């Protein structure tokens, strides 16, 4: 999901910081919806690690454009 959103926003010529923030917001919203931040589901670390899994593509995109 992070790669797809990064590709779409990069295609629309969004600034790298905006791409990173958008993917981060989407990742957090996704994990909140899954309930991965709740203790019963292994949270909060399960949610934090899952959010980090979304970020390699926007971080690479940002690093290329700095």
PDB file of N, CA and C in Angstrom:
ATOM      1  N   UNK A   1       0.826  -1.195   0.000  1.00  0.00           N
ATOM      2  CA  UNK A   1       0.000   0.000   0.000  1.00  0.00           C
ATOM      3  C   UNK A   1       0.867   1.255   0.000  1.00  0.00           C
ATOM      4  N   UNK A   2       1.958   1.224   0.732  1.00  0.00           N
ATOM      5  CA  UNK A   2       2.840   2.379   0.769  1.00  0.00           C
ATOM      6  C   UNK A   2       3.486   2.660  -0.568  1.00  0.00           C
ATOM      7  N   UNK A   3       3.854   1.589  -1.273  1.00  0.00           N
ATOM      8  CA  UNK A   3       4.475   1.752  -2.595  1.00  0.00           C
ATOM      9  C   UNK A   3       3.464   2.334  -3.583  1.00  0.00           C
ATOM     10  N   UNK A   4       2.248   1.830  -3.541  1.00  0.00           N
ATOM     11  CA  UNK A   4       1.215   2.315  -4.460  1.00  0.00           C
ATOM     12  C   UNK A   4       0.889   3.776  -4.257  1.00  0.00           C
ATOM     13  N   UNK A   5       0.696   4.178  -2.999  1.00  0.00           N
ATOM     14  CA  UNK A   5       0.389   5.584  -2.715  1.00  0.00           C
ATOM     15  C   UNK A   5       1.571   6.470  -3.070  1.00  0.00           C
ATOM     16  N   UNK A   6       2.782   6.013  -2.776  1.00  0.00           N
ATOM     17  CA  UNK A   6       3.972   6.782  -3.146  1.00  0.00           C
ATOM     18  C   UNK A   6       4.043   6.971  -4.655  1.00  0.00           C
ATOM     19  N   UNK A   7       3.771   5.923  -5.409  1.00  0.00           N
ATOM     20  CA  UNK A   7       3.828   6.011  -6.871  1.00  0.00           C
ATOM     21  C   UNK A   7       2.779   6.977  -7.414  1.00  0.00           C
ATOM     22  N   UNK A   8       1.578   6.897  -6.883  1.00  0.00           N
ATOM     23  CA  UNK A   8       0.514   7.800  -7.355  1.00  0.00           C
ATOM     24  C   UNK A   8       0.857   9.247  -7.046  1.00  0.00           C
ATOM     25  N   UNK A   9       1.284   9.523  -5.816  1.00  0.00           N
ATOM     26  CA  UNK A   9       1.602  10.902  -5.445  1.00  0.00           C
ATOM     27  C   UNK A   9       2.837  11.408  -6.182  1.00  0.00           C
ATOM     28  N   UNK A  10       3.813  10.538  -6.409  1.00  0.00           N
ATOM     29  CA  UNK A  10       4.992  10.949  -7.183  1.00  0.00           C
ATOM     30  C   UNK A  10       4.589  11.267  -8.619  1.00  0.00           C
ATOM     31  N   UNK A  11       3.684  10.489  -9.168  1.00  0.00           N
ATOM     32  CA  UNK A  11       3.182  10.752 -10.518  1.00  0.00           C
ATOM     33  C   UNK A  11       2.435  12.064 -10.619  1.00  0.00           C
ATOM     34  N   UNK A  12       1.851  12.492  -9.514  1.00  0.00           N
ATOM     35  CA  UNK A  12       1.153  13.779  -9.472  1.00  0.00           C
ATOM     36  C   UNK A  12       2.078  14.933  -9.088  1.00  0.00           C
ATOM     37  N   UNK A  13       3.375  14.640  -8.980  1.00  0.00           N
ATOM     38  CA  UNK A  13       4.408  15.627  -8.665  1.00  0.00           C
ATOM     39  C   UNK A  13       4.240  16.237  -7.279  1.00  0.00           C
ATOM     40  N   UNK A  14       3.811  15.426  -6.321  1.00  0.00           N
ATOM     41  CA  UNK A  14       3.702  15.902  -4.942  1.00  0.00           C
ATOM     42  C   UNK A  14       5.101  16.037  -4.341  1.00  0.00           C
ATOM     43  N   UNK A  15       5.303  17.016  -3.468  1.00  0.00           N
ATOM     44  CA  UNK A  15       6.610  17.161  -2.813  1.00  0.00           C
ATOM     45  C   UNK A  15       6.922  15.934  -1.949  1.00  0.00           C
ATOM     46  N   UNK A  16       8.193  15.559  -1.831  1.00  0.00           N
ATOM     47  CA  UNK A  16       8.562  14.362  -1.069  1.00  0.00           C
ATOM     48  C   UNK A  16       8.054  14.354   0.376  1.00  0.00           C
ATOM     49  N   UNK A  17       8.103  15.481   1.059  1.00  0.00           N
ATOM     50  CA  UNK A  17       7.602  15.533   2.438  1.00  0.00           C
ATOM     51  C   UNK A  17       6.100  15.258   2.474  1.00  0.00           C
ATOM     52  N   UNK A  18       5.368  15.773   1.513  1.00  0.00           N
ATOM     53  CA  UNK A  18       3.927  15.531   1.448  1.00  0.00           C
ATOM     54  C   UNK A  18       3.633  14.055   1.192  1.00  0.00           C
ATOM     55  N   UNK A  19       4.445  13.412   0.376  1.00  0.00           N
ATOM     56  CA  UNK A  19       4.279  11.981   0.118  1.00  0.00           C
ATOM     57  C   UNK A  19       4.505  11.200   1.411  1.00  0.00           C
ATOM     58  N   UNK A  20       5.565  11.533   2.134  1.00  0.00           N
ATOM     59  CA  UNK A  20       5.869  10.850   3.392  1.00  0.00           C
ATOM     60  C   UNK A  20       4.738  11.020   4.402  1.00  0.00           C
ATOM     61  N   UNK A  21       4.252  12.240   4.561  1.00  0.00           N
ATOM     62  CA  UNK A  21       3.178  12.503   5.524  1.00  0.00           C
ATOM     63  C   UNK A  21       1.895  11.786   5.124  1.00  0.00           C
ATOM     64  N   UNK A  22       1.587  11.750   3.843  1.00  0.00           N
ATOM     65  CA  UNK A  22       0.372  11.074   3.384  1.00  0.00           C
ATOM     66  C   UNK A  22       0.446   9.574   3.638  1.00  0.00           C
ATOM     67  N   UNK A  23       1.590   8.960   3.344  1.00  0.00           N
ATOM     68  CA  UNK A  23       1.731   7.521   3.579  1.00  0.00           C
ATOM     69  C   UNK A  23       1.722   7.224   5.076  1.00  0.00           C
ATOM     70  N   UNK A  24       2.360   8.067   5.872  1.00  0.00           N
ATOM     71  CA  UNK A  24       2.352   7.886   7.321  1.00  0.00           C
ATOM     72  C   UNK A  24       0.929   7.973   7.877  1.00  0.00           C
ATOM     73  N   UNK A  25       0.168   8.958   7.430  1.00  0.00           N
ATOM     74  CA  UNK A  25      -1.220   9.104   7.883  1.00  0.00           C
ATOM     75  C   UNK A  25      -2.063   7.900   7.474  1.00  0.00           C
ATOM     76  N   UNK A  26      -1.868   7.424   6.251  1.00  0.00           N
ATOM     77  CA  UNK A  26      -2.617   6.261   5.797  1.00  0.00           C
ATOM     78  C   UNK A  26      -2.237   5.026   6.606  1.00  0.00           C
ATOM     79  N   UNK A  27      -0.963   4.865   6.921  1.00  0.00           N
ATOM     80  CA  UNK A  27      -0.507   3.711   7.692  1.00  0.00           C
ATOM     81  C   UNK A  27      -1.092   3.732   9.100  1.00  0.00           C
ATOM     82  N   UNK A  28      -1.081   4.887   9.737  1.00  0.00           N
ATOM     83  CA  UNK A  28      -1.644   5.006  11.082  1.00  0.00           C
ATOM     84  C   UNK A  28      -3.142   4.724  11.062  1.00  0.00           C
ATOM     85  N   UNK A  29      -3.847   5.290  10.092  1.00  0.00           N
ATOM     86  CA  UNK A  29      -5.289   5.054   9.991  1.00  0.00           C
ATOM     87  C   UNK A  29      -5.581   3.572   9.755  1.00  0.00           C
ATOM     88  N   UNK A  30      -4.781   2.929   8.935  1.00  0.00           N
ATOM     89  CA  UNK A  30      -4.965   1.507   8.662  1.00  0.00           C
ATOM     90  C   UNK A  30      -4.778   0.675   9.928  1.00  0.00           C
ATOM     91  N   UNK A  31      -3.736   0.970  10.685  1.00  0.00           N
ATOM     92  CA  UNK A  31      -3.462   0.197  11.894  1.00  0.00           C
ATOM     93  C   UNK A  31      -4.469   0.488  13.003  1.00  0.00           C
ATOM     94  N   UNK A  32      -4.958   1.697  13.084  1.00  0.00           N
ATOM     95  CA  UNK A  32      -6.014   2.002  14.046  1.00  0.00           C
ATOM     96  C   UNK A  32      -7.267   1.205  13.692  1.00  0.00           C
ATOM     97  N   UNK A  33      -7.575   1.130  12.409  1.00  0.00           N
ATOM     98  CA  UNK A  33      -8.725   0.348  11.955  1.00  0.00           C
ATOM     99  C   UNK A  33      -8.574  -1.132  12.245  1.00  0.00           C
ATOM    100  N   UNK A  34      -7.353  -1.650  12.134  1.00  0.00           N
ATOM    101  CA  UNK A  34      -7.089  -3.056  12.447  1.00  0.00           C
ATOM    102  C   UNK A  34      -7.115  -3.337  13.941  1.00  0.00           C
ATOM    103  N   UNK A  35      -6.942  -2.293  14.741  1.00  0.00           N
ATOM    104  CA  UNK A  35      -6.877  -2.468  16.190  1.00  0.00           C
ATOM    105  C   UNK A  35      -5.509  -2.908  16.680  1.00  0.00           C
ATOM    106  N   UNK A  36      -4.475  -2.724  15.865  1.00  0.00           N
ATOM    107  CA  UNK A  36      -3.136  -3.194  16.235  1.00  0.00           C
ATOM    108  C   UNK A  36      -2.456  -2.360  17.314  1.00  0.00           C
ATOM    109  N   UNK A  37      -3.024  -1.234  17.694  1.00  0.00           N
ATOM    110  CA  UNK A  37      -2.450  -0.448  18.780  1.00  0.00           C
ATOM    111  C   UNK A  37      -3.018  -0.860  20.141  1.00  0.00           C
ATOM    112  N   UNK A  38      -4.021  -1.745  20.142  1.00  0.00           N
ATOM    113  CA  UNK A  38      -4.632  -2.167  21.398  1.00  0.00           C
ATOM    114  C   UNK A  38      -3.845  -3.326  22.003  1.00  0.00           C
ATOM    115  N   UNK A  39      -3.802  -3.364  23.320  1.00  0.00           N
ATOM    116  CA  UNK A  39      -3.022  -4.390  24.029  1.00  0.00           C
ATOM    117  C   UNK A  39      -3.496  -5.802  23.701  1.00  0.00           C
ATOM    118  N   UNK A  40      -4.790  -6.003  23.493  1.00  0.00           N
ATOM    119  CA  UNK A  40      -5.282  -7.352  23.189  1.00  0.00           C
ATOM    120  C   UNK A  40      -4.712  -7.892  21.888  1.00  0.00           C
ATOM    121  N   UNK A  41      -4.311  -7.001  20.988  1.00  0.00           N
ATOM    122  CA  UNK A  41      -3.782  -7.405  19.685  1.00  0.00           C
ATOM    123  C   UNK A  41      -2.269  -7.267  19.602  1.00  0.00           C
ATOM    124  N   UNK A  42      -1.625  -7.217  20.761  1.00  0.00           N
ATOM    125  CA  UNK A  42      -0.164  -7.117  20.760  1.00  0.00           C
ATOM    126  C   UNK A  42       0.355  -5.698  20.707  1.00  0.00           C
ATOM    127  N   UNK A  43      -0.525  -4.731  20.905  1.00  0.00           N
ATOM    128  CA  UNK A  43      -0.127  -3.331  20.826  1.00  0.00           C
ATOM    129  C   UNK A  43       0.515  -2.844  22.096  1.00  0.00           C
ATOM    130  N   UNK A  44       1.088  -1.697  22.047  1.00  0.00           N
ATOM    131  CA  UNK A  44       1.148  -0.811  20.895  1.00  0.00           C
ATOM    132  C   UNK A  44       2.241  -1.166  19.885  1.00  0.00           C
ATOM    133  N   UNK A  45       3.180  -2.044  20.282  1.00  0.00           N
ATOM    134  CA  UNK A  45       4.325  -2.286  19.395  1.00  0.00           C
ATOM    135  C   UNK A  45       3.942  -2.978  18.102  1.00  0.00           C
ATOM    136  N   UNK A  46       2.942  -3.814  18.111  1.00  0.00           N
ATOM    137  CA  UNK A  46       2.497  -4.445  16.875  1.00  0.00           C
ATOM    138  C   UNK A  46       2.069  -3.377  15.871  1.00  0.00           C
ATOM    139  N   UNK A  47       1.334  -2.377  16.337  1.00  0.00           N
ATOM    140  CA  UNK A  47       0.910  -1.291  15.456  1.00  0.00           C
ATOM    141  C   UNK A  47       2.062  -0.432  14.982  1.00  0.00           C
ATOM    142  N   UNK A  48       3.005  -0.157  15.892  1.00  0.00           N
ATOM    143  CA  UNK A  48       4.162   0.683  15.532  1.00  0.00           C
ATOM    144  C   UNK A  48       5.001  -0.009  14.458  1.00  0.00           C
ATOM    145  N   UNK A  49       5.258  -1.293  14.643  1.00  0.00           N
ATOM    146  CA  UNK A  49       6.061  -2.018  13.651  1.00  0.00           C
ATOM    147  C   UNK A  49       5.347  -2.108  12.306  1.00  0.00           C
ATOM    148  N   UNK A  50       4.038  -2.278  12.342  1.00  0.00           N
ATOM    149  CA  UNK A  50       3.282  -2.326  11.085  1.00  0.00           C
ATOM    150  C   UNK A  50       3.293  -0.981  10.373  1.00  0.00           C
ATOM    151  N   UNK A  51       3.229   0.116  11.135  1.00  0.00           N
ATOM    152  CA  UNK A  51       3.310   1.452  10.529  1.00  0.00           C
ATOM    153  C   UNK A  51       4.674   1.628   9.865  1.00  0.00           C
ATOM    154  N   UNK A  52       5.735   1.195  10.537  1.00  0.00           N
ATOM    155  CA  UNK A  52       7.078   1.316   9.960  1.00  0.00           C
ATOM    156  C   UNK A  52       7.217   0.521   8.664  1.00  0.00           C
ATOM    157  N   UNK A  53       6.457  -0.549   8.532  1.00  0.00           N
ATOM    158  CA  UNK A  53       6.526  -1.363   7.317  1.00  0.00           C
ATOM    159  C   UNK A  53       5.992  -0.626   6.088  1.00  0.00           C
ATOM    160  N   UNK A  54       5.197   0.409   6.293  1.00  0.00           N
ATOM    161  CA  UNK A  54       4.662   1.190   5.179  1.00  0.00           C
ATOM    162  C   UNK A  54       5.682   2.212   4.648  1.00  0.00           C
ATOM    163  N   UNK A  55       6.704   2.534   5.423  1.00  0.00           N
ATOM    164  CA  UNK A  55       7.512   3.718   5.145  1.00  0.00           C
ATOM    165  C   UNK A  55       8.736   3.576   4.238  1.00  0.00           C
ATOM    166  N   UNK A  56       9.235   2.393   3.891  1.00  0.00           N
ATOM    167  CA  UNK A  56      10.431   2.355   3.044  1.00  0.00           C
ATOM    168  C   UNK A  56      10.278   3.072   1.704  1.00  0.00           C
ATOM    169  N   UNK A  57       9.156   2.925   1.043  1.00  0.00           N
ATOM    170  CA  UNK A  57       8.993   3.562  -0.277  1.00  0.00           C
ATOM    171  C   UNK A  57       8.999   5.087  -0.186  1.00  0.00           C
ATOM    172  N   UNK A  58       8.211   5.717   0.708  1.00  0.00           N
ATOM    173  CA  UNK A  58       8.283   7.177   0.758  1.00  0.00           C
ATOM    174  C   UNK A  58       9.627   7.687   1.271  1.00  0.00           C
ATOM    175  N   UNK A  59      10.295   6.930   2.149  1.00  0.00           N
ATOM    176  CA  UNK A  59      11.614   7.359   2.609  1.00  0.00           C
ATOM    177  C   UNK A  59      12.626   7.306   1.469  1.00  0.00           C
ATOM    178  N   UNK A  60      12.562   6.274   0.653  1.00  0.00           N
ATOM    179  CA  UNK A  60      13.452   6.187  -0.509  1.00  0.00           C
ATOM    180  C   UNK A  60      13.169   7.313  -1.497  1.00  0.00           C
ATOM    181  N   UNK A  61      11.889   7.582  -1.734  1.00  0.00           N
ATOM    182  CA  UNK A  61      11.499   8.669  -2.635  1.00  0.00           C
ATOM    183  C   UNK A  61      12.028  10.004  -2.111  1.00  0.00           C
ATOM    184  N   UNK A  62      11.901  10.211  -0.808  1.00  0.00           N
ATOM    185  CA  UNK A  62      12.363  11.450  -0.185  1.00  0.00           C
ATOM    186  C   UNK A  62      13.892  11.549  -0.300  1.00  0.00           C
ATOM    187  N   UNK A  63      14.596  10.453  -0.038  1.00  0.00           N
ATOM    188  CA  UNK A  63      16.059  10.466  -0.103  1.00  0.00           C
ATOM    189  C   UNK A  63      16.556  10.754  -1.514  1.00  0.00           C
ATOM    190  N   UNK A  64      15.870  10.263  -2.514  1.00  0.00           N
ATOM    191  CA  UNK A  64      16.275  10.503  -3.897  1.00  0.00           C
ATOM    192  C   UNK A  64      16.137  11.979  -4.270  1.00  0.00           C
ATOM    193  N   UNK A  65      15.147  12.653  -3.683  1.00  0.00           N
ATOM    194  CA  UNK A  65      14.864  14.032  -4.058  1.00  0.00           C
ATOM    195  C   UNK A  65      15.475  15.086  -3.144  1.00  0.00           C
ATOM    196  N   UNK A  66      16.317  14.665  -2.240  1.00  0.00           N
ATOM    197  CA  UNK A  66      16.975  15.664  -1.353  1.00  0.00           C
ATOM    198  C   UNK A  66      18.254  16.130  -1.988  1.00  0.00           C
TER     199      UNK A  66
END
